[in-house]
Amino acid sequence: MSWPINNPDEPQPWRGGPVDQPPTGTGASPIPPYAPPQQPGAWNTPPQPGVWSPQQQPGVWGPQDTVPGHARTPQQPSQLRYAHWGERVAATLIDALLVLGVTMVLNLVTFGLLDGASGLAGVAAWAYIAWLNGSRGQSPGKALTGLKLVRDADGLTLGGPVGLVRTLMLWLFFPFGVGIVWLLAVLWPTWDPKKQALHDKMFGAVVVAGHPPVKFGKDLFLP
């Protein structure tokens, strides 16, 4: 699909050079290639002509540009890095407290007569959090702590269904080795160069830090 150009003299930031001719042909794309971090623990790829990097200056559009006819979204923050294990644990604990709150409220409303229903509500809440991790890249805990789950290849989100399956795969590790495999999967980011857990590696995902924290509100829970 070619990118329609109304004025060929307008700057074309994805070209990475002087304005020449608009891209032509079916292979042309306005979205520059995504440049993942080259050094362990830091998204510090130097900006290069025609290659998107999180360190490029504000005003240059990143890989999440929208399709023609829609409003563009600004590039991601310039100081992105792989999230440390402790940051991921903090975000997960926030999500766990929210799930616990859901089950406690349901128990209070039903006077504890529907224990099975509260358990199902907890499972549903975790499933929705997994969906948010895929659809928007941020569960409530990640949004509050400035973390985001993205694909390592291009920096885009995984999608809701993939986020759900990713979390499911983590819990499928639990029966093996009486939970030892699950524990190994969870601790893997402590020594991995890209801070990936085993279920991240299965889907080519990374958790990055450096996004502005979101204030607590209803937007945290929107897909």
C-alpha atoms as a PDB file:
ATOM      1  CA  MET A   1       0.000   0.000   0.000  1.00  0.00           C
ATOM      2  CA  SER A   2       1.453   3.401  -0.970  1.00  0.00           C
ATOM      3  CA  TRP A   3       1.244   6.457   1.244  1.00  0.00           C
ATOM      4  CA  PRO A   4      -0.804   9.301  -0.363  1.00  0.00           C
ATOM      5  CA  ILE A   5       1.119  12.597  -0.479  1.00  0.00           C
ATOM      6  CA  ASN A   6      -0.901  15.815  -0.909  1.00  0.00           C
ATOM      7  CA  ASN A   7       2.169  18.053  -1.047  1.00  0.00           C
ATOM      8  CA  PRO A   8       5.459  16.446  -2.093  1.00  0.00           C
ATOM      9  CA  ASP A   9       7.374  19.476  -0.741  1.00  0.00           C
ATOM     10  CA  GLU A  10       6.290  18.787   2.837  1.00  0.00           C
ATOM     11  CA  PRO A  11       8.941  17.200   5.127  1.00  0.00           C
ATOM     12  CA  GLN A  12       8.919  13.428   5.151  1.00  0.00           C
ATOM     13  CA  PRO A  13      10.472  12.382   8.509  1.00  0.00           C
ATOM     14  CA  TRP A  14      10.447   8.701   7.698  1.00  0.00           C
ATOM     15  CA  ARG A  15      12.837   9.319   4.786  1.00  0.00           C
ATOM     16  CA  GLY A  16      15.555  10.425   7.201  1.00  0.00           C
ATOM     17  CA  GLY A  17      17.007  12.915   4.669  1.00  0.00           C
ATOM     18  CA  PRO A  18      16.205  15.849   2.380  1.00  0.00           C
ATOM     19  CA  VAL A  19      12.830  15.979   0.713  1.00  0.00           C
ATOM     20  CA  ASP A  20      13.047  14.257  -2.632  1.00  0.00           C
ATOM     21  CA  GLN A  21      10.204  12.327  -4.206  1.00  0.00           C
ATOM     22  CA  PRO A  22       7.399  10.588  -2.278  1.00  0.00           C
ATOM     23  CA  PRO A  23       7.725   6.815  -1.983  1.00  0.00           C
ATOM     24  CA  THR A  24       6.147   4.852  -4.778  1.00  0.00           C
ATOM     25  CA  GLY A  25       5.289   1.237  -5.437  1.00  0.00           C
ATOM     26  CA  THR A  26       3.440  -1.352  -3.444  1.00  0.00           C
ATOM     27  CA  GLY A  27       6.371  -1.850  -1.053  1.00  0.00           C
ATOM     28  CA  ALA A  28       6.527   1.803   0.083  1.00  0.00           C
ATOM     29  CA  SER A  29       5.672   2.461   3.690  1.00  0.00           C
ATOM     30  CA  PRO A  30       5.645   5.656   5.783  1.00  0.00           C
ATOM     31  CA  ILE A  31       6.608   3.692   8.888  1.00  0.00           C
ATOM     32  CA  PRO A  32      10.365   3.504   9.463  1.00  0.00           C
ATOM     33  CA  PRO A  33      11.924   0.243  10.618  1.00  0.00           C
ATOM     34  CA  TYR A  34      11.946  -0.312  14.340  1.00  0.00           C
ATOM     35  CA  ALA A  35      15.365  -0.329  16.022  1.00  0.00           C
ATOM     36  CA  PRO A  36      15.401  -2.416  19.230  1.00  0.00           C
ATOM     37  CA  PRO A  37      17.991  -1.816  21.935  1.00  0.00           C
ATOM     38  CA  GLN A  38      21.502  -2.930  21.097  1.00  0.00           C
ATOM     39  CA  GLN A  39      22.966  -2.861  24.597  1.00  0.00           C
ATOM     40  CA  PRO A  40      21.587  -5.027  27.418  1.00  0.00           C
ATOM     41  CA  GLY A  41      19.318  -3.108  29.762  1.00  0.00           C
ATOM     42  CA  ALA A  42      19.053   0.127  27.757  1.00  0.00           C
ATOM     43  CA  TRP A  43      17.191   1.330  24.685  1.00  0.00           C
ATOM     44  CA  ASN A  44      20.101   3.370  23.450  1.00  0.00           C
ATOM     45  CA  THR A  45      20.314   2.823  19.710  1.00  0.00           C
ATOM     46  CA  PRO A  46      21.634   6.120  18.232  1.00  0.00           C
ATOM     47  CA  PRO A  47      19.262   7.767  15.761  1.00  0.00           C
ATOM     48  CA  GLN A  48      20.042   6.929  12.156  1.00  0.00           C
ATOM     49  CA  PRO A  49      18.552   8.345   8.972  1.00  0.00           C
ATOM     50  CA  GLY A  50      15.371   6.472   8.131  1.00  0.00           C
ATOM     51  CA  VAL A  51      15.507   4.221  11.210  1.00  0.00           C
ATOM     52  CA  TRP A  52      13.183   4.859  14.120  1.00  0.00           C
ATOM     53  CA  SER A  53      14.740   4.946  17.566  1.00  0.00           C
ATOM     54  CA  PRO A  54      13.170   5.813  20.942  1.00  0.00           C
ATOM     55  CA  GLN A  55      15.900   8.449  21.352  1.00  0.00           C
ATOM     56  CA  GLN A  56      14.933  10.516  18.340  1.00  0.00           C
ATOM     57  CA  GLN A  57      13.811  14.055  18.965  1.00  0.00           C
ATOM     58  CA  PRO A  58      10.146  14.896  19.704  1.00  0.00           C
ATOM     59  CA  GLY A  59       8.077  15.518  16.615  1.00  0.00           C
ATOM     60  CA  VAL A  60       9.383  12.522  14.670  1.00  0.00           C
ATOM     61  CA  TRP A  61       6.760   9.855  14.370  1.00  0.00           C
ATOM     62  CA  GLY A  62       7.532   6.360  15.535  1.00  0.00           C
ATOM     63  CA  PRO A  63       6.370   2.896  14.458  1.00  0.00           C
ATOM     64  CA  GLN A  64       2.881   3.388  15.894  1.00  0.00           C
ATOM     65  CA  ASP A  65       1.832   5.911  13.248  1.00  0.00           C
ATOM     66  CA  THR A  66      -1.738   5.310  12.227  1.00  0.00           C
ATOM     67  CA  VAL A  67      -3.047   4.592   8.761  1.00  0.00           C
ATOM     68  CA  PRO A  68      -3.693   7.457   6.312  1.00  0.00           C
ATOM     69  CA  GLY A  69      -6.723   9.552   7.205  1.00  0.00           C
ATOM     70  CA  HIS A  70      -6.332   9.062  10.959  1.00  0.00           C
ATOM     71  CA  ALA A  71      -4.603  11.216  13.541  1.00  0.00           C
ATOM     72  CA  ARG A  72      -1.001  10.378  14.207  1.00  0.00           C
ATOM     73  CA  THR A  73       0.225   9.475  17.653  1.00  0.00           C
ATOM     74  CA  PRO A  74       3.515  10.865  18.999  1.00  0.00           C
ATOM     75  CA  GLN A  75       6.539   8.647  19.342  1.00  0.00           C
ATOM     76  CA  GLN A  76       7.302   6.871  22.566  1.00  0.00           C
ATOM     77  CA  PRO A  77       9.426   8.503  25.308  1.00  0.00           C
ATOM     78  CA  SER A  78      13.123   8.959  24.602  1.00  0.00           C
ATOM     79  CA  GLN A  79      14.496   7.162  27.681  1.00  0.00           C
ATOM     80  CA  LEU A  80      13.006   3.710  27.292  1.00  0.00           C
ATOM     81  CA  ARG A  81      14.885   0.759  28.768  1.00  0.00           C
ATOM     82  CA  TYR A  82      14.182  -2.844  29.672  1.00  0.00           C
ATOM     83  CA  ALA A  83      12.259  -3.018  32.941  1.00  0.00           C
ATOM     84  CA  HIS A  84      14.074  -4.510  35.910  1.00  0.00           C
ATOM     85  CA  TRP A  85      12.688  -7.517  37.736  1.00  0.00           C
ATOM     86  CA  GLY A  86      11.736  -5.471  40.805  1.00  0.00           C
ATOM     87  CA  GLU A  87       9.717  -3.033  38.683  1.00  0.00           C
ATOM     88  CA  ARG A  88       7.820  -5.913  37.099  1.00  0.00           C
ATOM     89  CA  VAL A  89       7.111  -7.418  40.512  1.00  0.00           C
ATOM     90  CA  ALA A  90       5.799  -4.066  41.791  1.00  0.00           C
ATOM     91  CA  ALA A  91       3.409  -3.778  38.823  1.00  0.00           C
ATOM     92  CA  THR A  92       2.211  -7.356  39.325  1.00  0.00           C
ATOM     93  CA  LEU A  93       1.584  -6.737  43.036  1.00  0.00           C
ATOM     94  CA  ILE A  94      -0.603  -3.746  42.172  1.00  0.00           C
ATOM     95  CA  ASP A  95      -2.599  -5.926  39.772  1.00  0.00           C
ATOM     96  CA  ALA A  96      -2.879  -8.628  42.462  1.00  0.00           C
ATOM     97  CA  LEU A  97      -4.236  -6.118  44.982  1.00  0.00           C
ATOM     98  CA  LEU A  98      -6.855  -4.996  42.467  1.00  0.00           C
ATOM     99  CA  VAL A  99      -7.924  -8.599  41.849  1.00  0.00           C
ATOM    100  CA  LEU A 100      -8.052  -9.203  45.592  1.00  0.00           C
ATOM    101  CA  GLY A 101     -10.229  -6.112  45.952  1.00  0.00           C
ATOM    102  CA  VAL A 102     -12.667  -7.458  43.356  1.00  0.00           C
ATOM    103  CA  THR A 103     -13.052 -10.772  45.160  1.00  0.00           C
ATOM    104  CA  MET A 104     -13.408  -9.106  48.574  1.00  0.00           C
ATOM    105  CA  VAL A 105     -16.111  -6.749  47.340  1.00  0.00           C
ATOM    106  CA  LEU A 106     -18.006  -9.651  45.800  1.00  0.00           C
ATOM    107  CA  ASN A 107     -17.767 -11.582  49.071  1.00  0.00           C
ATOM    108  CA  LEU A 108     -19.119  -8.612  50.994  1.00  0.00           C
ATOM    109  CA  VAL A 109     -21.990  -8.103  48.584  1.00  0.00           C
ATOM    110  CA  THR A 110     -22.988 -11.776  48.702  1.00  0.00           C
ATOM    111  CA  PHE A 111     -22.243 -12.135  52.462  1.00  0.00           C
ATOM    112  CA  GLY A 112     -19.725 -14.865  51.649  1.00  0.00           C
ATOM    113  CA  LEU A 113     -22.416 -17.211  50.354  1.00  0.00           C
ATOM    114  CA  LEU A 114     -20.959 -17.451  46.858  1.00  0.00           C
ATOM    115  CA  ASP A 115     -17.353 -18.525  47.360  1.00  0.00           C
ATOM    116  CA  GLY A 116     -17.284 -20.152  43.949  1.00  0.00           C
ATOM    117  CA  ALA A 117     -18.532 -16.971  42.311  1.00  0.00           C
ATOM    118  CA  SER A 118     -15.808 -14.888  43.951  1.00  0.00           C
ATOM    119  CA  GLY A 119     -13.183 -17.365  42.736  1.00  0.00           C
ATOM    120  CA  LEU A 120     -14.506 -17.135  39.192  1.00  0.00           C
ATOM    121  CA  ALA A 121     -14.513 -13.346  39.487  1.00  0.00           C
ATOM    122  CA  GLY A 122     -10.846 -13.468  40.458  1.00  0.00           C
ATOM    123  CA  VAL A 123      -9.988 -15.631  37.451  1.00  0.00           C
ATOM    124  CA  ALA A 124     -11.970 -13.296  35.181  1.00  0.00           C
ATOM    125  CA  ALA A 125     -10.169 -10.277  36.624  1.00  0.00           C
ATOM    126  CA  TRP A 126      -6.759 -11.856  35.954  1.00  0.00           C
ATOM    127  CA  ALA A 127      -7.859 -12.754  32.427  1.00  0.00           C
ATOM    128  CA  TYR A 128      -8.904  -9.147  31.798  1.00  0.00           C
ATOM    129  CA  ILE A 129      -5.572  -7.880  33.119  1.00  0.00           C
ATOM    130  CA  ALA A 130      -3.803 -10.267  30.736  1.00  0.00           C
ATOM    131  CA  TRP A 131      -5.963  -8.929  27.904  1.00  0.00           C
ATOM    132  CA  LEU A 132      -5.019  -5.334  28.789  1.00  0.00           C
ATOM    133  CA  ASN A 133      -1.342  -6.305  28.751  1.00  0.00           C
ATOM    134  CA  GLY A 134      -1.798  -7.427  25.169  1.00  0.00           C
ATOM    135  CA  SER A 135      -4.287  -4.888  23.823  1.00  0.00           C
ATOM    136  CA  ARG A 136      -2.769  -1.692  25.219  1.00  0.00           C
ATOM    137  CA  GLY A 137       0.523  -3.013  26.532  1.00  0.00           C
ATOM    138  CA  GLN A 138      -0.322  -1.957  30.072  1.00  0.00           C
ATOM    139  CA  SER A 139      -2.226  -3.581  32.896  1.00  0.00           C
ATOM    140  CA  PRO A 140      -3.282  -1.134  35.634  1.00  0.00           C
ATOM    141  CA  GLY A 141      -0.107  -1.986  37.543  1.00  0.00           C
ATOM    142  CA  LYS A 142       2.116  -1.373  34.520  1.00  0.00           C
ATOM    143  CA  ALA A 143       0.349   1.896  33.692  1.00  0.00           C
ATOM    144  CA  LEU A 144       0.796   3.197  37.247  1.00  0.00           C
ATOM    145  CA  THR A 145       4.503   2.317  37.246  1.00  0.00           C
ATOM    146  CA  GLY A 146       5.317   3.476  33.698  1.00  0.00           C
ATOM    147  CA  LEU A 147       5.952   0.020  32.236  1.00  0.00           C
ATOM    148  CA  LYS A 148       4.711  -1.342  28.930  1.00  0.00           C
ATOM    149  CA  LEU A 149       4.639  -4.765  27.285  1.00  0.00           C
ATOM    150  CA  VAL A 150       5.608  -4.623  23.596  1.00  0.00           C
ATOM    151  CA  ARG A 151       6.972  -6.807  20.829  1.00  0.00           C
ATOM    152  CA  ASP A 152      10.752  -6.758  20.790  1.00  0.00           C
ATOM    153  CA  ALA A 153      10.839  -6.774  16.989  1.00  0.00           C
ATOM    154  CA  ASP A 154       8.958  -3.526  16.341  1.00  0.00           C
ATOM    155  CA  GLY A 155       7.795  -1.978  19.627  1.00  0.00           C
ATOM    156  CA  LEU A 156       4.088  -2.556  18.943  1.00  0.00           C
ATOM    157  CA  THR A 157       1.612  -4.159  21.341  1.00  0.00           C
ATOM    158  CA  LEU A 158       0.927  -7.895  21.220  1.00  0.00           C
ATOM    159  CA  GLY A 159      -2.852  -7.738  20.917  1.00  0.00           C
ATOM    160  CA  GLY A 160      -5.448  -8.835  23.449  1.00  0.00           C
ATOM    161  CA  PRO A 161      -5.658 -12.535  22.506  1.00  0.00           C
ATOM    162  CA  VAL A 162      -1.877 -12.945  22.510  1.00  0.00           C
ATOM    163  CA  GLY A 163      -1.660 -11.205  25.884  1.00  0.00           C
ATOM    164  CA  LEU A 164      -4.200 -13.648  27.271  1.00  0.00           C
ATOM    165  CA  VAL A 165      -2.363 -16.704  25.917  1.00  0.00           C
ATOM    166  CA  ARG A 166       0.964 -15.319  27.169  1.00  0.00           C
ATOM    167  CA  THR A 167      -0.307 -15.215  30.756  1.00  0.00           C
ATOM    168  CA  LEU A 168      -1.943 -18.620  30.357  1.00  0.00           C
ATOM    169  CA  MET A 169       1.380 -20.111  29.286  1.00  0.00           C
ATOM    170  CA  LEU A 170       3.015 -18.785  32.451  1.00  0.00           C
ATOM    171  CA  TRP A 171       0.515 -20.606  34.646  1.00  0.00           C
ATOM    172  CA  LEU A 172       0.780 -23.766  32.581  1.00  0.00           C
ATOM    173  CA  PHE A 173       4.392 -23.945  33.790  1.00  0.00           C
ATOM    174  CA  PHE A 174       3.210 -24.372  37.376  1.00  0.00           C
ATOM    175  CA  PRO A 175       2.407 -28.128  37.359  1.00  0.00           C
ATOM    176  CA  PHE A 176       5.890 -29.025  36.099  1.00  0.00           C
ATOM    177  CA  GLY A 177       8.445 -29.774  38.788  1.00  0.00           C
ATOM    178  CA  VAL A 178       6.025 -28.853  41.595  1.00  0.00           C
ATOM    179  CA  GLY A 179       6.191 -25.199  40.614  1.00  0.00           C
ATOM    180  CA  ILE A 180       9.953 -25.114  40.058  1.00  0.00           C
ATOM    181  CA  VAL A 181       9.598 -24.449  36.314  1.00  0.00           C
ATOM    182  CA  TRP A 182       7.112 -21.657  37.059  1.00  0.00           C
ATOM    183  CA  LEU A 183       9.525 -20.108  39.569  1.00  0.00           C
ATOM    184  CA  LEU A 184      12.362 -20.381  37.050  1.00  0.00           C
ATOM    185  CA  ALA A 185      10.213 -18.655  34.419  1.00  0.00           C
ATOM    186  CA  VAL A 186       9.371 -15.819  36.816  1.00  0.00           C
ATOM    187  CA  LEU A 187      12.981 -15.311  37.950  1.00  0.00           C
ATOM    188  CA  TRP A 188      14.445 -15.470  34.440  1.00  0.00           C
ATOM    189  CA  PRO A 189      14.487 -11.637  33.970  1.00  0.00           C
ATOM    190  CA  THR A 190      17.018 -11.293  36.801  1.00  0.00           C
ATOM    191  CA  TRP A 191      19.832 -12.608  34.574  1.00  0.00           C
ATOM    192  CA  ASP A 192      18.430 -12.245  31.053  1.00  0.00           C
ATOM    193  CA  PRO A 193      20.070  -9.455  28.941  1.00  0.00           C
ATOM    194  CA  LYS A 194      16.658  -8.193  27.809  1.00  0.00           C
ATOM    195  CA  LYS A 195      15.002  -8.821  31.202  1.00  0.00           C
ATOM    196  CA  GLN A 196      12.614 -11.304  29.570  1.00  0.00           C
ATOM    197  CA  ALA A 197      10.718 -14.005  31.419  1.00  0.00           C
ATOM    198  CA  LEU A 198      10.326 -17.367  29.693  1.00  0.00           C
ATOM    199  CA  HIS A 199       6.745 -16.622  28.624  1.00  0.00           C
ATOM    200  CA  ASP A 200       8.007 -13.308  27.146  1.00  0.00           C
ATOM    201  CA  LYS A 201      10.528 -15.179  25.019  1.00  0.00           C
ATOM    202  CA  MET A 202       7.819 -17.490  23.712  1.00  0.00           C
ATOM    203  CA  PHE A 203       5.989 -14.509  22.174  1.00  0.00           C
ATOM    204  CA  GLY A 204       8.939 -12.249  21.376  1.00  0.00           C
ATOM    205  CA  ALA A 205       7.848  -9.731  24.004  1.00  0.00           C
ATOM    206  CA  VAL A 206       9.741  -7.378  26.306  1.00  0.00           C
ATOM    207  CA  VAL A 207       8.660  -5.140  29.165  1.00  0.00           C
ATOM    208  CA  VAL A 208      10.078  -1.627  28.914  1.00  0.00           C
ATOM    209  CA  ALA A 209      10.240   1.152  31.492  1.00  0.00           C
ATOM    210  CA  GLY A 210      10.330   4.916  30.988  1.00  0.00           C
ATOM    211  CA  HIS A 211       6.745   5.680  30.012  1.00  0.00           C
ATOM    212  CA  PRO A 212       4.997   8.451  31.972  1.00  0.00           C
ATOM    213  CA  PRO A 213       3.028   6.897  34.873  1.00  0.00           C
ATOM    214  CA  VAL A 214      -0.743   7.150  34.461  1.00  0.00           C
ATOM    215  CA  LYS A 215      -2.845   8.593  37.279  1.00  0.00           C
ATOM    216  CA  PHE A 216      -5.310   6.255  38.925  1.00  0.00           C
ATOM    217  CA  GLY A 217      -8.720   6.424  37.254  1.00  0.00           C
ATOM    218  CA  LYS A 218     -11.112   4.671  34.948  1.00  0.00           C
ATOM    219  CA  ASP A 219      -8.711   4.950  32.012  1.00  0.00           C
ATOM    220  CA  LEU A 220      -6.556   2.282  33.661  1.00  0.00           C
ATOM    221  CA  PHE A 221      -9.235  -0.299  33.017  1.00  0.00           C
ATOM    222  CA  LEU A 222     -10.187   0.587  29.435  1.00  0.00           C
ATOM    223  CA  PRO A 223      -9.016  -1.886  26.733  1.00  0.00           C
END
